[in-house]
Amino acid sequence: MKTLYSFSGNICSGKTSVAKILSEKHQIKCYSIDEYRIKYNATNFHREWQTWEKLQSDIIKEDKAILESSGLSENLTDIYKKFDKVIVILLKCPENILIKRAKERMNEVPFYLASGKKPVECQIIEMEFRLRSVVYNYAYNTGNSSPGEIAEQISNDIFPKPEA
């Protein structure tokens, strides 16, 4: 059964860190839209669309995959249709912690935050509002736990146990 574990959440909520830990632990390839954006220089609408197309063409080759994105892109619908089972995991974090993390990582933030058009606080609050529309199977608060702790909890709750 083709299975996709899709991590959604706000900027700096821990998606990349948690997804990579689970990817290594369960030997499931992890796909990050931000890594694709960097690799394919997705600095405008056309390149953003091409980047999602490339991610989709790569991820659908997998029987099991982990995807990390905000969870808000319309492109996810096409990807989700290619899998028999999609488990959406929403990572939540208090806004004040998200803002602190984002300000500490300003050189690493994705293109949409690096644009400088709106203060990071506004962008995080707007995204938090938009994330209310995400339909998810599981949600975890990442505010006071390490990525390793969250990954362990998710692993215990969601990932199939290895057969003895």
N, C-alpha and C. Protein backbone atom coordinates (compact mmCIF):
# COMPACT_ATOMS: atom_id res chain seq x y z
N MET A 1 0.84 -1.17 0.00
CA MET A 1 0.00 0.00 0.00
C MET A 1 0.89 1.24 0.00
N LYS A 2 0.74 2.09 -1.02
CA LYS A 2 1.52 3.32 -1.09
C LYS A 2 1.04 4.26 0.01
N THR A 3 1.99 4.66 0.90
CA THR A 3 1.65 5.48 2.06
C THR A 3 2.49 6.74 2.08
N LEU A 4 1.82 7.86 2.32
CA LEU A 4 2.49 9.15 2.45
C LEU A 4 2.24 9.70 3.84
N TYR A 5 3.31 10.09 4.51
CA TYR A 5 3.24 10.78 5.79
C TYR A 5 3.53 12.24 5.50
N SER A 6 2.50 13.08 5.58
CA SER A 6 2.61 14.48 5.19
C SER A 6 2.64 15.37 6.43
N PHE A 7 3.77 16.05 6.63
CA PHE A 7 3.94 16.95 7.77
C PHE A 7 3.57 18.36 7.37
N SER A 8 2.65 18.96 8.12
CA SER A 8 2.17 20.31 7.87
C SER A 8 2.39 21.16 9.11
N GLY A 9 2.47 22.46 8.89
CA GLY A 9 2.60 23.36 10.03
C GLY A 9 3.23 24.67 9.64
N ASN A 10 3.26 25.57 10.57
CA ASN A 10 3.79 26.90 10.37
C ASN A 10 5.30 26.87 10.23
N ILE A 11 5.85 27.98 9.81
CA ILE A 11 7.30 28.14 9.72
C ILE A 11 7.90 27.90 11.11
N CYS A 12 8.98 27.18 11.17
CA CYS A 12 9.72 26.93 12.41
C CYS A 12 8.95 26.11 13.44
N SER A 13 7.96 25.33 12.98
CA SER A 13 7.21 24.49 13.91
C SER A 13 7.89 23.14 14.15
N GLY A 14 8.96 22.86 13.41
CA GLY A 14 9.71 21.63 13.61
C GLY A 14 9.51 20.58 12.52
N LYS A 15 8.84 20.93 11.44
CA LYS A 15 8.52 19.97 10.39
C LYS A 15 9.77 19.29 9.83
N THR A 16 10.75 20.09 9.45
CA THR A 16 11.96 19.53 8.83
C THR A 16 12.71 18.64 9.80
N SER A 17 12.91 19.13 11.02
CA SER A 17 13.68 18.37 12.02
C SER A 17 13.00 17.04 12.35
N VAL A 18 11.72 17.09 12.62
CA VAL A 18 10.98 15.87 12.99
C VAL A 18 10.91 14.91 11.81
N ALA A 19 10.62 15.43 10.62
CA ALA A 19 10.51 14.56 9.43
C ALA A 19 11.83 13.86 9.14
N LYS A 20 12.94 14.57 9.27
CA LYS A 20 14.24 13.95 9.00
C LYS A 20 14.58 12.87 10.02
N ILE A 21 14.25 13.09 11.27
CA ILE A 21 14.50 12.07 12.30
C ILE A 21 13.69 10.81 11.98
N LEU A 22 12.42 10.99 11.64
CA LEU A 22 11.57 9.83 11.32
C LEU A 22 12.01 9.15 10.03
N SER A 23 12.48 9.94 9.08
CA SER A 23 12.99 9.38 7.83
C SER A 23 14.15 8.43 8.09
N GLU A 24 15.07 8.86 8.92
CA GLU A 24 16.23 8.02 9.25
C GLU A 24 15.81 6.80 10.06
N LYS A 25 14.97 7.02 11.05
CA LYS A 25 14.57 5.93 11.94
C LYS A 25 13.82 4.82 11.19
N HIS A 26 12.96 5.22 10.26
CA HIS A 26 12.12 4.24 9.58
C HIS A 26 12.57 3.95 8.14
N GLN A 27 13.72 4.52 7.76
CA GLN A 27 14.26 4.33 6.41
C GLN A 27 13.22 4.59 5.33
N ILE A 28 12.59 5.76 5.45
CA ILE A 28 11.61 6.24 4.48
C ILE A 28 12.15 7.56 3.93
N LYS A 29 12.18 7.69 2.62
CA LYS A 29 12.73 8.90 2.01
C LYS A 29 11.87 10.12 2.37
N CYS A 30 12.55 11.22 2.69
CA CYS A 30 11.88 12.45 3.07
C CYS A 30 12.01 13.48 1.95
N TYR A 31 10.91 14.13 1.62
CA TYR A 31 10.88 15.17 0.60
C TYR A 31 10.46 16.48 1.26
N SER A 32 11.25 17.52 1.04
CA SER A 32 10.99 18.83 1.62
C SER A 32 10.78 19.84 0.50
N ILE A 33 9.64 20.51 0.50
CA ILE A 33 9.40 21.50 -0.55
C ILE A 33 10.43 22.62 -0.46
N ASP A 34 10.86 23.00 0.73
CA ASP A 34 11.86 24.07 0.83
C ASP A 34 13.19 23.66 0.20
N GLU A 35 13.58 22.41 0.38
CA GLU A 35 14.82 21.94 -0.25
C GLU A 35 14.69 21.95 -1.77
N TYR A 36 13.51 21.59 -2.27
CA TYR A 36 13.28 21.65 -3.72
C TYR A 36 13.28 23.10 -4.20
N ARG A 37 12.70 24.00 -3.41
CA ARG A 37 12.69 25.42 -3.79
C ARG A 37 14.11 25.95 -3.92
N ILE A 38 14.96 25.57 -3.02
CA ILE A 38 16.36 26.01 -3.07
C ILE A 38 17.05 25.39 -4.28
N LYS A 39 16.88 24.08 -4.43
CA LYS A 39 17.55 23.36 -5.52
C LYS A 39 17.14 23.89 -6.89
N TYR A 40 15.87 24.21 -7.06
CA TYR A 40 15.36 24.64 -8.37
C TYR A 40 15.12 26.15 -8.45
N ASN A 41 15.65 26.90 -7.47
CA ASN A 41 15.61 28.36 -7.49
C ASN A 41 14.19 28.89 -7.73
N ALA A 42 13.27 28.44 -6.92
CA ALA A 42 11.86 28.80 -7.08
C ALA A 42 11.59 30.21 -6.55
N THR A 43 12.00 31.20 -7.32
CA THR A 43 11.88 32.59 -6.88
C THR A 43 10.72 33.33 -7.53
N ASN A 44 9.96 32.66 -8.38
CA ASN A 44 8.77 33.28 -8.96
C ASN A 44 7.69 32.21 -9.12
N PHE A 45 6.50 32.65 -9.52
CA PHE A 45 5.37 31.73 -9.61
C PHE A 45 5.64 30.56 -10.56
N HIS A 46 6.20 30.85 -11.72
CA HIS A 46 6.46 29.80 -12.71
C HIS A 46 7.43 28.76 -12.17
N ARG A 47 8.51 29.21 -11.55
CA ARG A 47 9.49 28.26 -11.00
C ARG A 47 8.92 27.52 -9.80
N GLU A 48 8.08 28.16 -9.02
CA GLU A 48 7.42 27.47 -7.90
C GLU A 48 6.58 26.32 -8.43
N TRP A 49 5.83 26.56 -9.49
CA TRP A 49 5.01 25.51 -10.08
C TRP A 49 5.89 24.37 -10.59
N GLN A 50 6.97 24.69 -11.28
CA GLN A 50 7.90 23.67 -11.79
C GLN A 50 8.52 22.88 -10.64
N THR A 51 8.80 23.55 -9.55
CA THR A 51 9.39 22.88 -8.38
C THR A 51 8.44 21.84 -7.81
N TRP A 52 7.17 22.20 -7.69
CA TRP A 52 6.18 21.24 -7.20
C TRP A 52 6.03 20.07 -8.18
N GLU A 53 6.08 20.35 -9.47
CA GLU A 53 6.00 19.28 -10.47
C GLU A 53 7.16 18.30 -10.31
N LYS A 54 8.36 18.82 -10.08
CA LYS A 54 9.54 17.97 -9.90
C LYS A 54 9.41 17.14 -8.62
N LEU A 55 8.98 17.78 -7.55
CA LEU A 55 8.78 17.05 -6.29
C LEU A 55 7.77 15.92 -6.50
N GLN A 56 6.67 16.23 -7.16
CA GLN A 56 5.66 15.20 -7.40
C GLN A 56 6.21 14.05 -8.22
N SER A 57 6.94 14.35 -9.28
CA SER A 57 7.46 13.27 -10.12
C SER A 57 8.44 12.39 -9.36
N ASP A 58 9.14 12.95 -8.39
CA ASP A 58 10.07 12.16 -7.58
C ASP A 58 9.36 11.36 -6.49
N ILE A 59 8.46 11.99 -5.78
CA ILE A 59 7.85 11.36 -4.61
C ILE A 59 6.92 10.20 -5.00
N ILE A 60 6.28 10.30 -6.15
CA ILE A 60 5.33 9.24 -6.51
C ILE A 60 6.01 7.93 -6.87
N LYS A 61 7.31 7.94 -6.99
CA LYS A 61 8.07 6.71 -7.26
C LYS A 61 8.20 5.85 -6.00
N GLU A 62 7.90 6.43 -4.86
CA GLU A 62 8.10 5.75 -3.57
C GLU A 62 6.85 4.98 -3.15
N ASP A 63 7.08 3.82 -2.49
CA ASP A 63 5.96 3.11 -1.87
C ASP A 63 5.56 3.76 -0.55
N LYS A 64 6.57 4.28 0.14
CA LYS A 64 6.34 5.03 1.38
C LYS A 64 7.21 6.27 1.30
N ALA A 65 6.65 7.40 1.71
CA ALA A 65 7.41 8.64 1.67
C ALA A 65 6.94 9.57 2.77
N ILE A 66 7.85 10.46 3.14
CA ILE A 66 7.55 11.54 4.07
C ILE A 66 7.64 12.84 3.28
N LEU A 67 6.65 13.70 3.45
CA LEU A 67 6.64 15.00 2.80
C LEU A 67 6.50 16.07 3.86
N GLU A 68 7.33 17.10 3.77
CA GLU A 68 7.15 18.21 4.69
C GLU A 68 6.98 19.50 3.92
N SER A 69 5.87 20.19 4.26
CA SER A 69 5.51 21.46 3.65
C SER A 69 4.60 22.17 4.64
N SER A 70 4.15 23.35 4.31
CA SER A 70 3.22 24.02 5.22
C SER A 70 1.90 23.26 5.28
N GLY A 71 1.58 22.55 4.20
CA GLY A 71 0.30 21.85 4.13
C GLY A 71 -0.78 22.68 3.48
N LEU A 72 -0.42 23.85 2.96
CA LEU A 72 -1.40 24.78 2.42
C LEU A 72 -1.44 24.82 0.89
N SER A 73 -0.49 24.22 0.23
CA SER A 73 -0.41 24.31 -1.22
C SER A 73 -1.50 23.51 -1.92
N GLU A 74 -2.05 24.09 -2.97
CA GLU A 74 -3.02 23.37 -3.80
C GLU A 74 -2.37 22.18 -4.49
N ASN A 75 -1.06 22.20 -4.64
CA ASN A 75 -0.33 21.11 -5.29
C ASN A 75 -0.40 19.81 -4.51
N LEU A 76 -0.70 19.88 -3.24
CA LEU A 76 -0.76 18.67 -2.41
C LEU A 76 -1.87 17.72 -2.86
N THR A 77 -2.96 18.27 -3.36
CA THR A 77 -4.07 17.43 -3.79
C THR A 77 -3.62 16.42 -4.84
N ASP A 78 -2.85 16.88 -5.82
CA ASP A 78 -2.37 15.98 -6.87
C ASP A 78 -1.43 14.92 -6.31
N ILE A 79 -0.58 15.31 -5.37
CA ILE A 79 0.34 14.35 -4.75
C ILE A 79 -0.43 13.33 -3.93
N TYR A 80 -1.37 13.80 -3.12
CA TYR A 80 -2.14 12.90 -2.26
C TYR A 80 -2.88 11.85 -3.08
N LYS A 81 -3.36 12.21 -4.25
CA LYS A 81 -4.11 11.27 -5.08
C LYS A 81 -3.26 10.10 -5.56
N LYS A 82 -1.95 10.26 -5.54
CA LYS A 82 -1.04 9.22 -6.04
C LYS A 82 -0.73 8.15 -4.99
N PHE A 83 -1.24 8.33 -3.77
CA PHE A 83 -0.98 7.39 -2.68
C PHE A 83 -2.29 6.76 -2.22
N ASP A 84 -2.19 5.49 -1.80
CA ASP A 84 -3.37 4.77 -1.30
C ASP A 84 -3.79 5.30 0.07
N LYS A 85 -2.79 5.68 0.86
CA LYS A 85 -3.05 6.13 2.23
C LYS A 85 -2.21 7.38 2.48
N VAL A 86 -2.86 8.43 2.97
CA VAL A 86 -2.16 9.67 3.32
C VAL A 86 -2.47 9.98 4.77
N ILE A 87 -1.41 10.13 5.55
CA ILE A 87 -1.55 10.50 6.96
C ILE A 87 -0.98 11.90 7.10
N VAL A 88 -1.85 12.84 7.47
CA VAL A 88 -1.44 14.23 7.63
C VAL A 88 -1.19 14.50 9.11
N ILE A 89 0.02 14.98 9.38
CA ILE A 89 0.46 15.25 10.75
C ILE A 89 0.70 16.75 10.85
N LEU A 90 -0.08 17.41 11.68
CA LEU A 90 0.04 18.85 11.87
C LEU A 90 0.90 19.12 13.10
N LEU A 91 1.95 19.91 12.90
CA LEU A 91 2.80 20.32 14.02
C LEU A 91 2.40 21.73 14.41
N LYS A 92 1.98 21.87 15.66
CA LYS A 92 1.53 23.16 16.18
C LYS A 92 2.56 23.68 17.17
N CYS A 93 2.59 24.99 17.30
CA CYS A 93 3.52 25.62 18.23
C CYS A 93 2.97 27.01 18.56
N PRO A 94 3.08 27.44 19.81
CA PRO A 94 2.61 28.79 20.15
C PRO A 94 3.30 29.85 19.29
N GLU A 95 2.53 30.88 18.91
CA GLU A 95 3.04 31.92 18.02
C GLU A 95 4.30 32.59 18.56
N ASN A 96 4.36 32.85 19.86
CA ASN A 96 5.53 33.54 20.41
C ASN A 96 6.81 32.71 20.23
N ILE A 97 6.69 31.40 20.31
CA ILE A 97 7.85 30.53 20.11
C ILE A 97 8.22 30.48 18.62
N LEU A 98 7.20 30.42 17.75
CA LEU A 98 7.45 30.44 16.30
C LEU A 98 8.19 31.72 15.90
N ILE A 99 7.75 32.84 16.41
CA ILE A 99 8.37 34.13 16.08
C ILE A 99 9.82 34.16 16.56
N LYS A 100 10.06 33.69 17.77
CA LYS A 100 11.43 33.65 18.32
C LYS A 100 12.32 32.77 17.45
N ARG A 101 11.83 31.57 17.11
CA ARG A 101 12.61 30.66 16.27
C ARG A 101 12.89 31.27 14.90
N ALA A 102 11.88 31.88 14.29
CA ALA A 102 12.05 32.47 12.95
C ALA A 102 13.08 33.59 12.98
N LYS A 103 13.03 34.42 13.99
CA LYS A 103 14.00 35.52 14.07
C LYS A 103 15.42 35.01 14.28
N GLU A 104 15.57 33.89 14.99
CA GLU A 104 16.89 33.29 15.19
C GLU A 104 17.42 32.67 13.90
N ARG A 105 16.52 32.33 12.98
CA ARG A 105 16.91 31.63 11.75
C ARG A 105 16.65 32.46 10.50
N MET A 106 16.67 33.75 10.57
CA MET A 106 16.31 34.59 9.43
C MET A 106 17.11 34.29 8.16
N ASN A 107 18.34 33.83 8.29
CA ASN A 107 19.13 33.52 7.10
C ASN A 107 18.72 32.20 6.46
N GLU A 108 17.94 31.39 7.16
CA GLU A 108 17.57 30.06 6.65
C GLU A 108 16.12 29.99 6.19
N VAL A 109 15.34 31.03 6.44
CA VAL A 109 13.90 30.93 6.18
C VAL A 109 13.60 30.80 4.71
N PRO A 110 12.48 30.16 4.38
CA PRO A 110 12.10 29.99 2.97
C PRO A 110 11.88 31.33 2.28
N PHE A 111 11.80 31.28 0.97
CA PHE A 111 11.69 32.48 0.16
C PHE A 111 10.52 33.37 0.57
N TYR A 112 9.38 32.81 0.92
CA TYR A 112 8.22 33.63 1.21
C TYR A 112 8.41 34.48 2.45
N LEU A 113 9.28 34.07 3.37
CA LEU A 113 9.56 34.91 4.54
C LEU A 113 10.74 35.84 4.28
N ALA A 114 11.61 35.45 3.41
CA ALA A 114 12.80 36.26 3.15
C ALA A 114 12.49 37.48 2.28
N SER A 115 11.28 37.55 1.76
CA SER A 115 10.93 38.64 0.86
C SER A 115 10.94 40.00 1.54
N GLY A 116 10.68 40.03 2.84
CA GLY A 116 10.71 41.27 3.58
C GLY A 116 9.50 42.16 3.37
N LYS A 117 8.48 41.67 2.69
CA LYS A 117 7.30 42.50 2.43
C LYS A 117 6.46 42.71 3.68
N LYS A 118 6.45 41.74 4.56
CA LYS A 118 5.68 41.84 5.81
C LYS A 118 6.58 41.39 6.94
N PRO A 119 6.38 41.95 8.12
CA PRO A 119 7.15 41.47 9.27
C PRO A 119 6.87 39.98 9.52
N VAL A 120 7.87 39.29 10.01
CA VAL A 120 7.74 37.85 10.25
C VAL A 120 6.56 37.56 11.17
N GLU A 121 6.31 38.42 12.14
CA GLU A 121 5.19 38.21 13.06
C GLU A 121 3.87 38.15 12.30
N CYS A 122 3.68 39.05 11.35
CA CYS A 122 2.44 39.08 10.55
C CYS A 122 2.31 37.82 9.71
N GLN A 123 3.41 37.41 9.11
CA GLN A 123 3.36 36.24 8.25
C GLN A 123 3.03 34.98 9.05
N ILE A 124 3.60 34.85 10.24
CA ILE A 124 3.32 33.68 11.08
C ILE A 124 1.87 33.68 11.53
N ILE A 125 1.36 34.83 11.94
CA ILE A 125 -0.03 34.92 12.38
C ILE A 125 -0.98 34.62 11.22
N GLU A 126 -0.70 35.16 10.05
CA GLU A 126 -1.53 34.88 8.87
C GLU A 126 -1.51 33.39 8.53
N MET A 127 -0.32 32.79 8.58
CA MET A 127 -0.23 31.37 8.26
C MET A 127 -0.97 30.54 9.31
N GLU A 128 -0.87 30.94 10.55
CA GLU A 128 -1.59 30.23 11.62
C GLU A 128 -3.08 30.23 11.34
N PHE A 129 -3.59 31.35 10.89
CA PHE A 129 -5.01 31.44 10.53
C PHE A 129 -5.33 30.51 9.36
N ARG A 130 -4.49 30.50 8.33
CA ARG A 130 -4.72 29.65 7.16
C ARG A 130 -4.62 28.16 7.51
N LEU A 131 -3.77 27.83 8.47
CA LEU A 131 -3.59 26.42 8.86
C LEU A 131 -4.85 25.82 9.50
N ARG A 132 -5.77 26.66 9.90
CA ARG A 132 -7.03 26.16 10.46
C ARG A 132 -7.82 25.35 9.44
N SER A 133 -7.52 25.57 8.16
CA SER A 133 -8.24 24.85 7.10
C SER A 133 -7.64 23.48 6.79
N VAL A 134 -6.46 23.18 7.34
CA VAL A 134 -5.80 21.91 7.04
C VAL A 134 -6.54 20.77 7.76
N VAL A 135 -6.89 19.77 6.98
CA VAL A 135 -7.52 18.57 7.54
C VAL A 135 -6.38 17.60 7.87
N TYR A 136 -6.30 17.20 9.12
CA TYR A 136 -5.19 16.36 9.57
C TYR A 136 -5.68 15.16 10.34
N ASN A 137 -4.81 14.14 10.42
CA ASN A 137 -5.12 12.94 11.18
C ASN A 137 -4.60 13.03 12.61
N TYR A 138 -3.44 13.68 12.77
CA TYR A 138 -2.79 13.80 14.07
C TYR A 138 -2.24 15.22 14.21
N ALA A 139 -2.21 15.70 15.46
CA ALA A 139 -1.60 17.01 15.73
C ALA A 139 -0.72 16.89 16.98
N TYR A 140 0.40 17.57 16.92
CA TYR A 140 1.37 17.55 18.02
C TYR A 140 1.84 18.97 18.30
N ASN A 141 1.96 19.31 19.59
CA ASN A 141 2.48 20.61 19.99
C ASN A 141 3.98 20.49 20.15
N THR A 142 4.71 21.28 19.38
CA THR A 142 6.17 21.21 19.38
C THR A 142 6.82 22.32 20.21
N GLY A 143 6.02 23.09 20.94
CA GLY A 143 6.54 24.25 21.65
C GLY A 143 7.53 23.95 22.74
N ASN A 144 7.29 22.93 23.53
CA ASN A 144 8.15 22.66 24.69
C ASN A 144 8.85 21.32 24.64
N SER A 145 8.90 20.72 23.47
CA SER A 145 9.56 19.42 23.32
C SER A 145 10.62 19.50 22.23
N SER A 146 11.62 18.67 22.35
CA SER A 146 12.67 18.63 21.33
C SER A 146 12.14 17.88 20.11
N PRO A 147 12.76 18.11 18.94
CA PRO A 147 12.35 17.34 17.75
C PRO A 147 12.44 15.82 17.98
N GLY A 148 13.46 15.39 18.71
CA GLY A 148 13.60 13.97 19.00
C GLY A 148 12.45 13.42 19.83
N GLU A 149 12.00 14.20 20.80
CA GLU A 149 10.87 13.77 21.63
C GLU A 149 9.58 13.70 20.81
N ILE A 150 9.37 14.69 19.97
CA ILE A 150 8.18 14.70 19.12
C ILE A 150 8.23 13.53 18.13
N ALA A 151 9.40 13.32 17.53
CA ALA A 151 9.55 12.21 16.58
C ALA A 151 9.28 10.87 17.25
N GLU A 152 9.75 10.70 18.47
CA GLU A 152 9.51 9.45 19.20
C GLU A 152 8.02 9.24 19.46
N GLN A 153 7.33 10.31 19.85
CA GLN A 153 5.90 10.21 20.09
C GLN A 153 5.15 9.87 18.80
N ILE A 154 5.50 10.54 17.71
CA ILE A 154 4.86 10.26 16.43
C ILE A 154 5.15 8.83 15.99
N SER A 155 6.39 8.41 16.15
CA SER A 155 6.78 7.06 15.77
C SER A 155 5.93 6.03 16.51
N ASN A 156 5.75 6.23 17.81
CA ASN A 156 4.95 5.31 18.63
C ASN A 156 3.48 5.33 18.25
N ASP A 157 2.96 6.51 17.88
CA ASP A 157 1.53 6.66 17.58
C ASP A 157 1.15 6.22 16.17
N ILE A 158 2.03 6.46 15.20
CA ILE A 158 1.62 6.37 13.80
C ILE A 158 2.32 5.29 12.99
N PHE A 159 3.62 5.19 13.14
CA PHE A 159 4.39 4.32 12.26
C PHE A 159 4.21 2.85 12.65
N PRO A 160 4.09 1.99 11.65
CA PRO A 160 3.92 0.56 11.95
C PRO A 160 5.14 0.02 12.68
N LYS A 161 4.87 -0.83 13.62
CA LYS A 161 5.96 -1.47 14.37
C LYS A 161 6.60 -2.54 13.50
N PRO A 162 7.92 -2.65 13.54
CA PRO A 162 8.58 -3.70 12.75
C PRO A 162 8.13 -5.08 13.21
N GLU A 163 7.97 -5.96 12.25
CA GLU A 163 7.55 -7.32 12.58
C GLU A 163 8.75 -8.09 13.14
N ALA A 164 8.50 -8.85 14.19
CA ALA A 164 9.57 -9.61 14.84
C ALA A 164 9.95 -10.84 14.07
